[in-house]
Amino acid sequence: LAFCVEPLSKAEIAEHCGYKNTKNFTQKYLRPLLDSGMLKMTLPDKPKSKNQKYIAIKGK
């Protein structure tokens, strides 16, 4: 989460964590962090947008 202090794409976050396959990364890590409120989407109205980025929520 410390890596996500600025908006980053799913691919950037997955690459930082050592994942090449973003589908597995999304299911195993990204989705649970989103569901728990620790990460948020920068474009919540367009979750599948190619411009979607994710940012950590402070204090969570």
Protein backbone atom coordinates (compact mmCIF):
# COMPACT_ATOMS: atom_id res chain seq x y z
CA LEU A 1 0.00 0.00 0.00
CA ALA A 2 2.90 2.36 0.63
CA PHE A 3 3.70 2.12 -3.09
CA CYS A 4 0.23 3.46 -4.00
CA VAL A 5 0.53 6.94 -2.47
CA GLU A 6 -0.01 8.38 -5.94
CA PRO A 7 -2.44 7.04 -8.56
CA LEU A 8 -1.05 4.01 -10.38
CA SER A 9 -2.43 1.63 -12.99
CA LYS A 10 -3.15 -2.03 -12.26
CA ALA A 11 -0.21 -3.02 -14.47
CA GLU A 12 2.18 -0.71 -12.60
CA ILE A 13 1.12 -2.08 -9.22
CA ALA A 14 1.28 -5.71 -10.42
CA GLU A 15 4.73 -5.18 -11.93
CA HIS A 16 5.99 -3.61 -8.69
CA CYS A 17 4.75 -6.69 -6.81
CA GLY A 18 6.43 -9.06 -9.28
CA TYR A 19 3.31 -10.19 -11.17
CA LYS A 20 3.17 -10.42 -14.96
CA ASN A 21 -0.41 -11.71 -15.09
CA THR A 22 -2.75 -8.91 -13.95
CA LYS A 23 -5.81 -11.21 -13.90
CA ASN A 24 -4.43 -13.34 -11.06
CA PHE A 25 -3.12 -10.24 -9.32
CA THR A 26 -6.54 -8.60 -9.51
CA GLN A 27 -8.39 -11.59 -8.06
CA LYS A 28 -5.86 -12.35 -5.34
CA TYR A 29 -4.79 -8.87 -4.18
CA LEU A 30 -6.38 -5.87 -5.89
CA ARG A 31 -10.06 -6.84 -5.47
CA PRO A 32 -9.71 -7.63 -1.72
CA LEU A 33 -7.94 -4.29 -1.13
CA LEU A 34 -10.69 -2.44 -3.02
CA ASP A 35 -13.43 -4.30 -1.14
CA SER A 36 -11.83 -3.55 2.23
CA GLY A 37 -11.56 0.15 1.40
CA MET A 38 -7.76 0.26 1.58
CA LEU A 39 -7.50 1.18 -2.10
CA LYS A 40 -9.86 3.24 -4.22
CA MET A 41 -10.37 3.74 -7.94
CA THR A 42 -9.69 7.15 -9.45
CA LEU A 43 -12.57 6.57 -11.91
CA PRO A 44 -15.18 4.69 -9.82
CA ASP A 45 -17.91 5.26 -12.43
CA LYS A 46 -15.79 3.45 -15.06
CA PRO A 47 -14.16 0.43 -13.34
CA LYS A 48 -13.00 -1.12 -16.63
CA SER A 49 -11.57 2.08 -18.12
CA LYS A 50 -8.11 1.82 -19.66
CA ASN A 51 -7.33 5.03 -17.76
CA GLN A 52 -8.29 3.53 -14.38
CA LYS A 53 -5.78 4.10 -11.61
CA TYR A 54 -5.72 3.09 -7.97
CA ILE A 55 -4.64 4.99 -4.87
CA ALA A 56 -4.21 4.01 -1.22
CA ILE A 57 -6.61 5.50 1.33
CA LYS A 58 -4.80 7.25 4.17
CA GLY A 59 -5.64 6.10 7.66
CA LYS A 60 -6.92 2.65 6.66
